[in-house]
Amino acid sequence: MHRTNQRPNAARRLFGVLLASSFVLAAGLPASAAAQDKASAQKVRLTTSMGDIVLELQPEKAPKTVENFLQYVRDKHYDGTIFHRVMDGFMIQGGGFTADFQQKPTRAPVPLEATNGLKNDRGTIAMARTANPNSATAQFFINVVDNAMLNAPNPDGHGYTVFGRVVQGMDAVDKIRTVPIGNKGPHQNVPTTPVTIIKATLEK
């Protein structure tokens, strides 16, 4: 059982950690038909196995990213997924895999919106992506500390799109960030006991 508690180690492994899987399944799911809801559905509740997390989204700062995230919520994409990467002193990442590490199909990626003025500070939610800055689909992460090195322009020249923040449930986030972790096949920093997103629901 291995736990990563030191921020320098996390920073050195940054680009291997926040990259969404390069084996994205392009399933061609239907595009959003509910853009009109984005202004009235700016909060999302993640009901997890370690407590509820309420997110306040900011469509005025990252409109395409927020609409994309809300459509995944409406489609129940996140229900039954896990936080598959957890690094205390860095972030918790989820939204892409089931408990048996089956990768869920995604829609087309959304363009990077990292220069919107929002920062990767503690309690913010941002999109994971591959080395391609315009590759974010469904995976996201919640910053558990201020991660200035993720802001645009960061060492890769692009940064990571912040599109909201935790307004309730940071105690649950803090519980998740300290769970025991290990390796599972090619995946590192995996909770030894799955941390599940039971459901994600819209809150008006």
C-alpha atoms as a PDB file:
ATOM      1  CA  MET A   1       0.000   0.000   0.000  1.00  0.00           C
ATOM      2  CA  HIS A   2       1.459   3.293  -1.082  1.00  0.00           C
ATOM      3  CA  ARG A   3       0.367   6.816  -0.271  1.00  0.00           C
ATOM      4  CA  THR A   4       1.554  10.005  -1.948  1.00  0.00           C
ATOM      5  CA  ASN A   5       1.584  12.846   0.532  1.00  0.00           C
ATOM      6  CA  GLN A   6       4.285  15.170  -0.778  1.00  0.00           C
ATOM      7  CA  ARG A   7       3.448  17.947  -3.219  1.00  0.00           C
ATOM      8  CA  PRO A   8       6.873  17.950  -4.939  1.00  0.00           C
ATOM      9  CA  ASN A   9       6.396  14.319  -5.921  1.00  0.00           C
ATOM     10  CA  ALA A  10       2.932  15.139  -7.168  1.00  0.00           C
ATOM     11  CA  ALA A  11       4.232  18.044  -9.240  1.00  0.00           C
ATOM     12  CA  ARG A  12       6.937  15.917 -10.839  1.00  0.00           C
ATOM     13  CA  ARG A  13       4.339  13.412 -11.906  1.00  0.00           C
ATOM     14  CA  LEU A  14       1.824  16.045 -12.926  1.00  0.00           C
ATOM     15  CA  PHE A  15       1.571  15.284 -16.602  1.00  0.00           C
ATOM     16  CA  GLY A  16       1.119  11.563 -15.959  1.00  0.00           C
ATOM     17  CA  VAL A  17      -1.579  12.167 -13.395  1.00  0.00           C
ATOM     18  CA  LEU A  18      -3.967  14.707 -14.822  1.00  0.00           C
ATOM     19  CA  LEU A  19      -4.042  13.266 -18.299  1.00  0.00           C
ATOM     20  CA  ALA A  20      -7.294  11.563 -19.067  1.00  0.00           C
ATOM     21  CA  SER A  21      -6.759   8.135 -20.591  1.00  0.00           C
ATOM     22  CA  SER A  22      -5.393   8.225 -24.128  1.00  0.00           C
ATOM     23  CA  PHE A  23      -7.552   5.195 -24.904  1.00  0.00           C
ATOM     24  CA  VAL A  24     -10.711   7.262 -25.121  1.00  0.00           C
ATOM     25  CA  LEU A  25     -13.685   5.401 -26.535  1.00  0.00           C
ATOM     26  CA  ALA A  26     -15.253   7.677 -29.118  1.00  0.00           C
ATOM     27  CA  ALA A  27     -18.802   6.391 -28.925  1.00  0.00           C
ATOM     28  CA  GLY A  28     -20.543   9.222 -30.718  1.00  0.00           C
ATOM     29  CA  LEU A  29     -23.130   9.847 -28.008  1.00  0.00           C
ATOM     30  CA  PRO A  30     -25.775  12.479 -28.778  1.00  0.00           C
ATOM     31  CA  ALA A  31     -24.796  16.120 -28.462  1.00  0.00           C
ATOM     32  CA  SER A  32     -26.359  18.364 -25.833  1.00  0.00           C
ATOM     33  CA  ALA A  33     -29.919  19.437 -26.491  1.00  0.00           C
ATOM     34  CA  ALA A  34     -30.306  21.309 -23.223  1.00  0.00           C
ATOM     35  CA  ALA A  35     -28.044  24.343 -23.442  1.00  0.00           C
ATOM     36  CA  GLN A  36     -30.940  26.422 -22.146  1.00  0.00           C
ATOM     37  CA  ASP A  37     -30.616  24.727 -18.745  1.00  0.00           C
ATOM     38  CA  LYS A  38     -27.063  25.816 -18.062  1.00  0.00           C
ATOM     39  CA  ALA A  39     -27.995  29.092 -16.394  1.00  0.00           C
ATOM     40  CA  SER A  40     -30.611  27.490 -14.119  1.00  0.00           C
ATOM     41  CA  ALA A  41     -28.681  24.319 -13.277  1.00  0.00           C
ATOM     42  CA  GLN A  42     -25.455  25.758 -11.987  1.00  0.00           C
ATOM     43  CA  LYS A  43     -25.122  23.359  -9.048  1.00  0.00           C
ATOM     44  CA  VAL A  44     -24.428  19.634  -9.170  1.00  0.00           C
ATOM     45  CA  ARG A  45     -24.499  17.243  -6.225  1.00  0.00           C
ATOM     46  CA  LEU A  46     -22.102  14.296  -6.294  1.00  0.00           C
ATOM     47  CA  THR A  47     -23.429  11.645  -3.937  1.00  0.00           C
ATOM     48  CA  THR A  48     -20.339   9.589  -3.135  1.00  0.00           C
ATOM     49  CA  SER A  49     -19.587   6.621  -0.913  1.00  0.00           C
ATOM     50  CA  MET A  50     -17.744   9.039   1.396  1.00  0.00           C
ATOM     51  CA  GLY A  51     -20.303  11.838   1.534  1.00  0.00           C
ATOM     52  CA  ASP A  52     -21.962  14.444  -0.671  1.00  0.00           C
ATOM     53  CA  ILE A  53     -20.058  17.086  -2.632  1.00  0.00           C
ATOM     54  CA  VAL A  54     -21.971  20.075  -4.041  1.00  0.00           C
ATOM     55  CA  LEU A  55     -20.391  21.897  -6.964  1.00  0.00           C
ATOM     56  CA  GLU A  56     -21.256  25.417  -8.072  1.00  0.00           C
ATOM     57  CA  LEU A  57     -20.493  25.732 -11.778  1.00  0.00           C
ATOM     58  CA  GLN A  58     -19.528  28.937 -13.558  1.00  0.00           C
ATOM     59  CA  PRO A  59     -20.932  28.949 -17.109  1.00  0.00           C
ATOM     60  CA  GLU A  60     -20.111  32.627 -17.535  1.00  0.00           C
ATOM     61  CA  LYS A  61     -16.410  31.702 -17.282  1.00  0.00           C
ATOM     62  CA  ALA A  62     -16.337  28.324 -19.044  1.00  0.00           C
ATOM     63  CA  PRO A  63     -19.593  27.980 -21.017  1.00  0.00           C
ATOM     64  CA  LYS A  64     -18.618  25.043 -23.237  1.00  0.00           C
ATOM     65  CA  THR A  65     -17.031  23.113 -20.395  1.00  0.00           C
ATOM     66  CA  VAL A  66     -20.018  23.633 -18.087  1.00  0.00           C
ATOM     67  CA  GLU A  67     -22.512  22.630 -20.769  1.00  0.00           C
ATOM     68  CA  ASN A  68     -20.443  19.516 -21.491  1.00  0.00           C
ATOM     69  CA  PHE A  69     -20.287  18.559 -17.790  1.00  0.00           C
ATOM     70  CA  LEU A  70     -24.019  19.150 -17.295  1.00  0.00           C
ATOM     71  CA  GLN A  71     -24.868  16.949 -20.259  1.00  0.00           C
ATOM     72  CA  TYR A  72     -22.819  14.103 -18.788  1.00  0.00           C
ATOM     73  CA  VAL A  73     -24.748  14.595 -15.534  1.00  0.00           C
ATOM     74  CA  ARG A  74     -28.090  14.499 -17.384  1.00  0.00           C
ATOM     75  CA  ASP A  75     -26.991  11.358 -19.205  1.00  0.00           C
ATOM     76  CA  LYS A  76     -26.117   9.742 -15.839  1.00  0.00           C
ATOM     77  CA  HIS A  77     -22.610   9.137 -17.133  1.00  0.00           C
ATOM     78  CA  TYR A  78     -21.045   9.707 -13.716  1.00  0.00           C
ATOM     79  CA  ASP A  79     -23.388   7.376 -11.827  1.00  0.00           C
ATOM     80  CA  GLY A  80     -21.374   4.379 -10.634  1.00  0.00           C
ATOM     81  CA  THR A  81     -17.984   5.790 -11.631  1.00  0.00           C
ATOM     82  CA  ILE A  82     -15.076   6.078  -9.202  1.00  0.00           C
ATOM     83  CA  PHE A  83     -12.371   8.454  -8.111  1.00  0.00           C
ATOM     84  CA  HIS A  84      -9.634   6.424  -9.761  1.00  0.00           C
ATOM     85  CA  ARG A  85      -6.636   8.680  -8.914  1.00  0.00           C
ATOM     86  CA  VAL A  86      -6.157  10.177  -5.473  1.00  0.00           C
ATOM     87  CA  MET A  87      -3.075  12.160  -4.466  1.00  0.00           C
ATOM     88  CA  ASP A  88      -3.079  13.804  -1.058  1.00  0.00           C
ATOM     89  CA  GLY A  89      -1.455  17.215  -1.372  1.00  0.00           C
ATOM     90  CA  PHE A  90      -2.572  17.491  -5.009  1.00  0.00           C
ATOM     91  CA  MET A  91      -6.001  16.417  -6.306  1.00  0.00           C
ATOM     92  CA  ILE A  92      -8.655  13.705  -6.610  1.00  0.00           C
ATOM     93  CA  GLN A  93      -9.641  12.618 -10.140  1.00  0.00           C
ATOM     94  CA  GLY A  94     -12.698  10.741 -11.357  1.00  0.00           C
ATOM     95  CA  GLY A  95     -15.526  10.460 -13.829  1.00  0.00           C
ATOM     96  CA  GLY A  96     -14.049   8.050 -16.354  1.00  0.00           C
ATOM     97  CA  PHE A  97     -14.037   4.496 -14.995  1.00  0.00           C
ATOM     98  CA  THR A  98     -16.327   2.027 -13.259  1.00  0.00           C
ATOM     99  CA  ALA A  99     -15.171   0.147 -10.152  1.00  0.00           C
ATOM    100  CA  ASP A 100     -13.791  -2.678 -12.322  1.00  0.00           C
ATOM    101  CA  PHE A 101     -11.873  -0.129 -14.422  1.00  0.00           C
ATOM    102  CA  GLN A 102     -14.057  -0.318 -17.473  1.00  0.00           C
ATOM    103  CA  GLN A 103     -13.690   3.000 -19.273  1.00  0.00           C
ATOM    104  CA  LYS A 104     -16.984   4.683 -20.046  1.00  0.00           C
ATOM    105  CA  PRO A 105     -17.723   5.968 -23.558  1.00  0.00           C
ATOM    106  CA  THR A 106     -17.574   9.710 -24.080  1.00  0.00           C
ATOM    107  CA  ARG A 107     -18.778  12.346 -26.481  1.00  0.00           C
ATOM    108  CA  ALA A 108     -16.518  14.528 -28.593  1.00  0.00           C
ATOM    109  CA  PRO A 109     -13.986  16.581 -26.581  1.00  0.00           C
ATOM    110  CA  VAL A 110     -14.499  20.218 -25.646  1.00  0.00           C
ATOM    111  CA  PRO A 111     -12.059  23.043 -26.404  1.00  0.00           C
ATOM    112  CA  LEU A 112      -9.754  24.334 -23.690  1.00  0.00           C
ATOM    113  CA  GLU A 113     -11.116  27.285 -21.685  1.00  0.00           C
ATOM    114  CA  ALA A 114      -8.190  27.634 -19.274  1.00  0.00           C
ATOM    115  CA  THR A 115      -7.649  31.376 -19.786  1.00  0.00           C
ATOM    116  CA  ASN A 116     -10.970  32.317 -18.185  1.00  0.00           C
ATOM    117  CA  GLY A 117      -9.450  33.877 -15.063  1.00  0.00           C
ATOM    118  CA  LEU A 118     -10.324  30.996 -12.727  1.00  0.00           C
ATOM    119  CA  LYS A 119      -7.432  29.407 -10.824  1.00  0.00           C
ATOM    120  CA  ASN A 120      -6.711  25.841  -9.759  1.00  0.00           C
ATOM    121  CA  ASP A 121      -7.108  26.688  -6.084  1.00  0.00           C
ATOM    122  CA  ARG A 122      -8.178  24.357  -3.291  1.00  0.00           C
ATOM    123  CA  GLY A 123     -11.785  23.303  -3.737  1.00  0.00           C
ATOM    124  CA  THR A 124     -12.061  24.076  -7.449  1.00  0.00           C
ATOM    125  CA  ILE A 125     -13.096  21.552 -10.089  1.00  0.00           C
ATOM    126  CA  ALA A 126     -11.247  21.343 -13.421  1.00  0.00           C
ATOM    127  CA  MET A 127     -11.161  19.106 -16.483  1.00  0.00           C
ATOM    128  CA  ALA A 128      -8.603  16.356 -16.997  1.00  0.00           C
ATOM    129  CA  ARG A 129      -7.212  15.937 -20.501  1.00  0.00           C
ATOM    130  CA  THR A 130      -4.470  14.298 -22.554  1.00  0.00           C
ATOM    131  CA  ALA A 131      -1.395  16.143 -23.835  1.00  0.00           C
ATOM    132  CA  ASN A 132      -3.723  17.628 -26.452  1.00  0.00           C
ATOM    133  CA  PRO A 133      -5.125  20.782 -24.784  1.00  0.00           C
ATOM    134  CA  ASN A 134      -8.470  20.343 -26.553  1.00  0.00           C
ATOM    135  CA  SER A 135      -9.061  16.743 -25.492  1.00  0.00           C
ATOM    136  CA  ALA A 136     -11.155  17.035 -22.300  1.00  0.00           C
ATOM    137  CA  THR A 137     -14.246  14.821 -22.294  1.00  0.00           C
ATOM    138  CA  ALA A 138     -15.745  13.553 -19.016  1.00  0.00           C
ATOM    139  CA  GLN A 139     -12.922  13.110 -16.502  1.00  0.00           C
ATOM    140  CA  PHE A 140     -12.495  15.867 -13.935  1.00  0.00           C
ATOM    141  CA  PHE A 141     -10.459  16.563 -10.822  1.00  0.00           C
ATOM    142  CA  ILE A 142     -10.947  18.522  -7.614  1.00  0.00           C
ATOM    143  CA  ASN A 143      -7.936  20.417  -6.328  1.00  0.00           C
ATOM    144  CA  VAL A 144      -7.225  19.641  -2.663  1.00  0.00           C
ATOM    145  CA  VAL A 145      -4.566  22.390  -2.395  1.00  0.00           C
ATOM    146  CA  ASP A 146      -3.740  25.520  -4.391  1.00  0.00           C
ATOM    147  CA  ASN A 147      -2.096  24.161  -7.566  1.00  0.00           C
ATOM    148  CA  ALA A 148      -0.709  27.259  -9.274  1.00  0.00           C
ATOM    149  CA  MET A 149       1.368  25.100 -11.639  1.00  0.00           C
ATOM    150  CA  LEU A 150      -1.871  23.998 -13.331  1.00  0.00           C
ATOM    151  CA  ASN A 151      -2.945  27.511 -14.266  1.00  0.00           C
ATOM    152  CA  ALA A 152      -2.545  28.804 -17.805  1.00  0.00           C
ATOM    153  CA  PRO A 153       0.050  29.139 -19.082  1.00  0.00           C
ATOM    154  CA  ASN A 154       1.561  26.229 -17.163  1.00  0.00           C
ATOM    155  CA  PRO A 155       4.711  24.262 -18.147  1.00  0.00           C
ATOM    156  CA  ASP A 156       2.902  22.641 -21.081  1.00  0.00           C
ATOM    157  CA  GLY A 157       1.843  26.095 -22.282  1.00  0.00           C
ATOM    158  CA  HIS A 158      -1.883  25.585 -21.842  1.00  0.00           C
ATOM    159  CA  GLY A 159      -3.175  24.903 -18.329  1.00  0.00           C
ATOM    160  CA  TYR A 160      -6.275  23.093 -17.107  1.00  0.00           C
ATOM    161  CA  THR A 161      -9.812  24.480 -17.358  1.00  0.00           C
ATOM    162  CA  VAL A 162     -11.394  25.372 -14.022  1.00  0.00           C
ATOM    163  CA  PHE A 163     -15.185  25.548 -14.315  1.00  0.00           C
ATOM    164  CA  GLY A 164     -16.543  25.590 -10.773  1.00  0.00           C
ATOM    165  CA  ARG A 165     -15.901  25.069  -7.090  1.00  0.00           C
ATOM    166  CA  VAL A 166     -17.022  22.990  -4.131  1.00  0.00           C
ATOM    167  CA  VAL A 167     -19.559  24.932  -2.050  1.00  0.00           C
ATOM    168  CA  GLN A 168     -20.526  22.065   0.243  1.00  0.00           C
ATOM    169  CA  GLY A 169     -18.767  18.836   1.147  1.00  0.00           C
ATOM    170  CA  MET A 170     -15.071  19.718   1.351  1.00  0.00           C
ATOM    171  CA  ASP A 171     -15.063  17.413   4.366  1.00  0.00           C
ATOM    172  CA  ALA A 172     -15.924  14.569   1.983  1.00  0.00           C
ATOM    173  CA  VAL A 173     -13.185  15.698  -0.418  1.00  0.00           C
ATOM    174  CA  ASP A 174     -10.705  15.702   2.462  1.00  0.00           C
ATOM    175  CA  LYS A 175     -11.763  12.188   3.468  1.00  0.00           C
ATOM    176  CA  ILE A 176     -11.234  10.972  -0.089  1.00  0.00           C
ATOM    177  CA  ARG A 177      -7.803  12.580  -0.449  1.00  0.00           C
ATOM    178  CA  THR A 178      -6.441  10.627   2.542  1.00  0.00           C
ATOM    179  CA  VAL A 179      -7.679   7.130   1.683  1.00  0.00           C
ATOM    180  CA  PRO A 180      -5.087   4.344   1.326  1.00  0.00           C
ATOM    181  CA  ILE A 181      -3.918   4.003  -2.269  1.00  0.00           C
ATOM    182  CA  GLY A 182      -1.962   1.535  -4.378  1.00  0.00           C
ATOM    183  CA  ASN A 183      -1.579   0.348  -7.960  1.00  0.00           C
ATOM    184  CA  LYS A 184      -4.114  -1.513 -10.079  1.00  0.00           C
ATOM    185  CA  GLY A 185      -2.637  -2.794 -13.322  1.00  0.00           C
ATOM    186  CA  PRO A 186      -1.234   0.217 -15.198  1.00  0.00           C
ATOM    187  CA  HIS A 187      -3.085   2.648 -12.936  1.00  0.00           C
ATOM    188  CA  GLN A 188      -1.329   4.342 -10.027  1.00  0.00           C
ATOM    189  CA  ASN A 189      -2.632   6.131  -6.929  1.00  0.00           C
ATOM    190  CA  VAL A 190      -5.810   4.054  -6.938  1.00  0.00           C
ATOM    191  CA  PRO A 191      -7.856   3.869  -3.706  1.00  0.00           C
ATOM    192  CA  THR A 192      -7.545   0.353  -2.293  1.00  0.00           C
ATOM    193  CA  THR A 193     -11.255   0.505  -1.475  1.00  0.00           C
ATOM    194  CA  PRO A 194     -13.217   2.054  -4.353  1.00  0.00           C
ATOM    195  CA  VAL A 195     -14.558   5.565  -3.756  1.00  0.00           C
ATOM    196  CA  THR A 196     -17.738   5.598  -5.808  1.00  0.00           C
ATOM    197  CA  ILE A 197     -19.790   8.420  -7.264  1.00  0.00           C
ATOM    198  CA  ILE A 198     -23.155   6.820  -6.565  1.00  0.00           C
ATOM    199  CA  LYS A 199     -24.991   9.470  -8.559  1.00  0.00           C
ATOM    200  CA  ALA A 200     -24.610  13.004  -9.880  1.00  0.00           C
ATOM    201  CA  THR A 201     -27.716  15.180  -9.850  1.00  0.00           C
ATOM    202  CA  LEU A 202     -28.635  18.708 -10.904  1.00  0.00           C
ATOM    203  CA  GLU A 203     -29.643  21.230  -8.263  1.00  0.00           C
ATOM    204  CA  LYS A 204     -31.477  24.412  -9.191  1.00  0.00           C
END
